[in-house]
Amino acid sequence: MMAEGDELATRKTFRGTHEGQFMGIPPSGRSVSMGLMDIVRICEGRVAEHWSMGDTLGMMQQLGAIPSGETP
């Protein structure tokens, strides 16, 4: 976590097991992890803006929904 002025940035990793349907993908029992970064701007003690970016492609590849092809 980093903070400067009215902005705060965090980086986290979610981990879990695919046990239920997710976005139309039937349960696979696979272990999955997804990196995520958030930046939040605080104004008068409240969240005024929130930006988030996660590795959705990597997670969908781990679930087998998208082939994980080789890098050219």
N, C-alpha and C. Protein backbone atom coordinates (compact mmCIF):
# COMPACT_ATOMS: atom_id res chain seq x y z
N MET A 1 0.84 -1.16 0.00
CA MET A 1 0.00 0.00 0.00
C MET A 1 0.89 1.23 0.00
N MET A 2 0.48 2.24 -0.77
CA MET A 2 1.20 3.52 -0.81
C MET A 2 0.17 4.63 -0.75
N ALA A 3 0.55 5.72 -0.11
CA ALA A 3 -0.35 6.87 -0.04
C ALA A 3 0.45 8.14 -0.23
N GLU A 4 -0.15 9.08 -0.93
CA GLU A 4 0.45 10.40 -1.10
C GLU A 4 -0.68 11.40 -1.31
N GLY A 5 -0.68 12.44 -0.51
CA GLY A 5 -1.74 13.43 -0.63
C GLY A 5 -3.10 12.80 -0.39
N ASP A 6 -4.00 12.96 -1.35
CA ASP A 6 -5.35 12.41 -1.19
C ASP A 6 -5.55 11.10 -1.95
N GLU A 7 -4.45 10.46 -2.39
CA GLU A 7 -4.56 9.21 -3.13
C GLU A 7 -3.89 8.05 -2.39
N LEU A 8 -4.50 6.87 -2.55
CA LEU A 8 -4.02 5.65 -1.92
C LEU A 8 -3.99 4.57 -2.99
N ALA A 9 -2.89 3.82 -3.07
CA ALA A 9 -2.77 2.74 -4.04
C ALA A 9 -2.53 1.43 -3.30
N THR A 10 -3.20 0.37 -3.75
CA THR A 10 -3.01 -0.95 -3.15
C THR A 10 -2.80 -1.98 -4.25
N ARG A 11 -2.08 -3.03 -3.92
CA ARG A 11 -1.90 -4.17 -4.82
C ARG A 11 -2.23 -5.41 -4.01
N LYS A 12 -3.04 -6.28 -4.56
CA LYS A 12 -3.42 -7.49 -3.84
C LYS A 12 -3.57 -8.67 -4.79
N THR A 13 -3.60 -9.85 -4.22
CA THR A 13 -3.81 -11.07 -5.00
C THR A 13 -4.97 -11.84 -4.38
N PHE A 14 -5.96 -12.14 -5.19
CA PHE A 14 -7.07 -12.98 -4.75
C PHE A 14 -6.76 -14.41 -5.16
N ARG A 15 -7.02 -15.34 -4.25
CA ARG A 15 -6.82 -16.77 -4.55
C ARG A 15 -8.07 -17.53 -4.14
N GLY A 16 -8.37 -18.57 -4.90
CA GLY A 16 -9.54 -19.37 -4.56
C GLY A 16 -9.63 -20.61 -5.41
N THR A 17 -10.70 -21.36 -5.19
CA THR A 17 -10.98 -22.56 -5.96
C THR A 17 -12.29 -22.36 -6.69
N HIS A 18 -12.30 -22.65 -7.96
CA HIS A 18 -13.48 -22.46 -8.81
C HIS A 18 -14.49 -23.57 -8.52
N GLU A 19 -15.39 -23.30 -7.56
CA GLU A 19 -16.35 -24.32 -7.12
C GLU A 19 -17.78 -24.08 -7.60
N GLY A 20 -18.06 -22.91 -8.14
CA GLY A 20 -19.40 -22.60 -8.62
C GLY A 20 -19.33 -21.95 -9.99
N GLN A 21 -20.47 -21.85 -10.65
CA GLN A 21 -20.49 -21.22 -11.97
C GLN A 21 -20.01 -19.78 -11.85
N PHE A 22 -19.18 -19.35 -12.80
CA PHE A 22 -18.65 -18.00 -12.81
C PHE A 22 -18.68 -17.47 -14.23
N MET A 23 -19.45 -16.43 -14.46
CA MET A 23 -19.58 -15.81 -15.79
C MET A 23 -19.90 -16.86 -16.86
N GLY A 24 -20.78 -17.78 -16.53
CA GLY A 24 -21.20 -18.82 -17.47
C GLY A 24 -20.26 -20.00 -17.57
N ILE A 25 -19.17 -19.98 -16.81
CA ILE A 25 -18.19 -21.08 -16.85
C ILE A 25 -18.55 -22.06 -15.73
N PRO A 26 -18.83 -23.33 -16.08
CA PRO A 26 -19.18 -24.30 -15.04
C PRO A 26 -18.01 -24.55 -14.10
N PRO A 27 -18.28 -24.97 -12.86
CA PRO A 27 -17.22 -25.23 -11.88
C PRO A 27 -16.17 -26.20 -12.42
N SER A 28 -14.90 -25.89 -12.18
CA SER A 28 -13.81 -26.74 -12.68
C SER A 28 -12.99 -27.36 -11.56
N GLY A 29 -13.11 -26.82 -10.35
CA GLY A 29 -12.29 -27.30 -9.24
C GLY A 29 -10.86 -26.79 -9.29
N ARG A 30 -10.55 -25.95 -10.26
CA ARG A 30 -9.18 -25.43 -10.41
C ARG A 30 -8.88 -24.34 -9.38
N SER A 31 -7.62 -24.28 -8.98
CA SER A 31 -7.14 -23.17 -8.15
C SER A 31 -6.86 -22.00 -9.07
N VAL A 32 -7.27 -20.82 -8.63
CA VAL A 32 -7.08 -19.62 -9.44
C VAL A 32 -6.53 -18.50 -8.57
N SER A 33 -5.75 -17.62 -9.19
CA SER A 33 -5.30 -16.41 -8.50
C SER A 33 -5.37 -15.27 -9.49
N MET A 34 -5.62 -14.08 -8.96
CA MET A 34 -5.76 -12.91 -9.82
C MET A 34 -5.16 -11.70 -9.12
N GLY A 35 -4.21 -11.05 -9.79
CA GLY A 35 -3.63 -9.82 -9.27
C GLY A 35 -4.56 -8.66 -9.53
N LEU A 36 -4.57 -7.70 -8.59
CA LEU A 36 -5.46 -6.56 -8.69
C LEU A 36 -4.78 -5.33 -8.12
N MET A 37 -4.96 -4.19 -8.76
CA MET A 37 -4.44 -2.92 -8.24
C MET A 37 -5.58 -1.92 -8.18
N ASP A 38 -5.60 -1.14 -7.11
CA ASP A 38 -6.62 -0.10 -6.93
C ASP A 38 -5.95 1.21 -6.58
N ILE A 39 -6.51 2.29 -7.09
CA ILE A 39 -6.12 3.64 -6.69
C ILE A 39 -7.40 4.34 -6.26
N VAL A 40 -7.36 4.96 -5.09
CA VAL A 40 -8.53 5.62 -4.54
C VAL A 40 -8.15 7.06 -4.22
N ARG A 41 -9.06 7.99 -4.55
CA ARG A 41 -8.86 9.39 -4.15
C ARG A 41 -9.89 9.72 -3.09
N ILE A 42 -9.41 10.26 -1.98
CA ILE A 42 -10.26 10.60 -0.84
C ILE A 42 -10.51 12.11 -0.84
N CYS A 43 -11.75 12.49 -0.59
CA CYS A 43 -12.11 13.90 -0.47
C CYS A 43 -13.07 14.04 0.71
N GLU A 44 -12.69 14.86 1.68
CA GLU A 44 -13.50 15.08 2.88
C GLU A 44 -13.85 13.78 3.59
N GLY A 45 -12.87 12.86 3.67
CA GLY A 45 -13.05 11.61 4.39
C GLY A 45 -13.84 10.54 3.66
N ARG A 46 -14.16 10.77 2.41
CA ARG A 46 -14.93 9.79 1.63
C ARG A 46 -14.23 9.48 0.32
N VAL A 47 -14.52 8.31 -0.22
CA VAL A 47 -13.97 7.94 -1.52
C VAL A 47 -14.64 8.79 -2.60
N ALA A 48 -13.85 9.59 -3.30
CA ALA A 48 -14.37 10.45 -4.36
C ALA A 48 -14.21 9.78 -5.73
N GLU A 49 -13.11 9.03 -5.91
CA GLU A 49 -12.85 8.32 -7.16
C GLU A 49 -12.18 7.00 -6.83
N HIS A 50 -12.41 6.00 -7.69
CA HIS A 50 -11.81 4.68 -7.50
C HIS A 50 -11.49 4.10 -8.87
N TRP A 51 -10.24 3.77 -9.09
CA TRP A 51 -9.80 3.11 -10.32
C TRP A 51 -9.30 1.73 -9.94
N SER A 52 -9.62 0.74 -10.75
CA SER A 52 -9.22 -0.63 -10.45
C SER A 52 -8.80 -1.33 -11.73
N MET A 53 -7.79 -2.19 -11.62
CA MET A 53 -7.33 -2.96 -12.76
C MET A 53 -6.92 -4.34 -12.27
N GLY A 54 -7.47 -5.38 -12.90
CA GLY A 54 -7.14 -6.75 -12.52
C GLY A 54 -6.77 -7.57 -13.74
N ASP A 55 -6.09 -8.67 -13.49
CA ASP A 55 -5.65 -9.57 -14.57
C ASP A 55 -6.78 -10.55 -14.91
N THR A 56 -7.84 -10.01 -15.51
CA THR A 56 -8.99 -10.84 -15.86
C THR A 56 -8.62 -11.88 -16.92
N LEU A 57 -7.79 -11.50 -17.89
CA LEU A 57 -7.36 -12.44 -18.93
C LEU A 57 -6.66 -13.64 -18.29
N GLY A 58 -5.72 -13.38 -17.39
CA GLY A 58 -5.00 -14.46 -16.73
C GLY A 58 -5.93 -15.38 -15.95
N MET A 59 -6.92 -14.79 -15.28
CA MET A 59 -7.87 -15.60 -14.51
C MET A 59 -8.71 -16.47 -15.45
N MET A 60 -9.18 -15.90 -16.56
CA MET A 60 -9.98 -16.68 -17.51
C MET A 60 -9.16 -17.80 -18.14
N GLN A 61 -7.86 -17.55 -18.35
CA GLN A 61 -6.98 -18.61 -18.86
C GLN A 61 -6.83 -19.71 -17.82
N GLN A 62 -6.70 -19.35 -16.55
CA GLN A 62 -6.58 -20.35 -15.49
C GLN A 62 -7.85 -21.20 -15.39
N LEU A 63 -9.00 -20.60 -15.68
CA LEU A 63 -10.27 -21.33 -15.64
C LEU A 63 -10.48 -22.19 -16.89
N GLY A 64 -9.61 -22.02 -17.90
CA GLY A 64 -9.72 -22.79 -19.13
C GLY A 64 -10.72 -22.21 -20.11
N ALA A 65 -11.22 -21.00 -19.84
CA ALA A 65 -12.21 -20.37 -20.72
C ALA A 65 -11.55 -19.75 -21.95
N ILE A 66 -10.28 -19.40 -21.83
CA ILE A 66 -9.52 -18.78 -22.92
C ILE A 66 -8.19 -19.52 -23.02
N PRO A 67 -7.80 -19.97 -24.21
CA PRO A 67 -6.50 -20.65 -24.33
C PRO A 67 -5.36 -19.72 -23.97
N SER A 68 -4.36 -20.25 -23.30
CA SER A 68 -3.18 -19.44 -22.94
C SER A 68 -2.08 -19.70 -23.95
N GLY A 69 -2.21 -19.09 -25.12
CA GLY A 69 -1.27 -19.27 -26.22
C GLY A 69 0.12 -18.77 -25.89
N GLU A 70 1.06 -19.14 -26.73
CA GLU A 70 2.45 -18.72 -26.54
C GLU A 70 2.63 -17.29 -27.00
N THR A 71 3.56 -16.61 -26.37
CA THR A 71 3.91 -15.25 -26.77
C THR A 71 4.74 -15.32 -28.05
N PRO A 72 4.40 -14.50 -29.06
CA PRO A 72 5.17 -14.55 -30.32
C PRO A 72 6.60 -14.11 -30.14
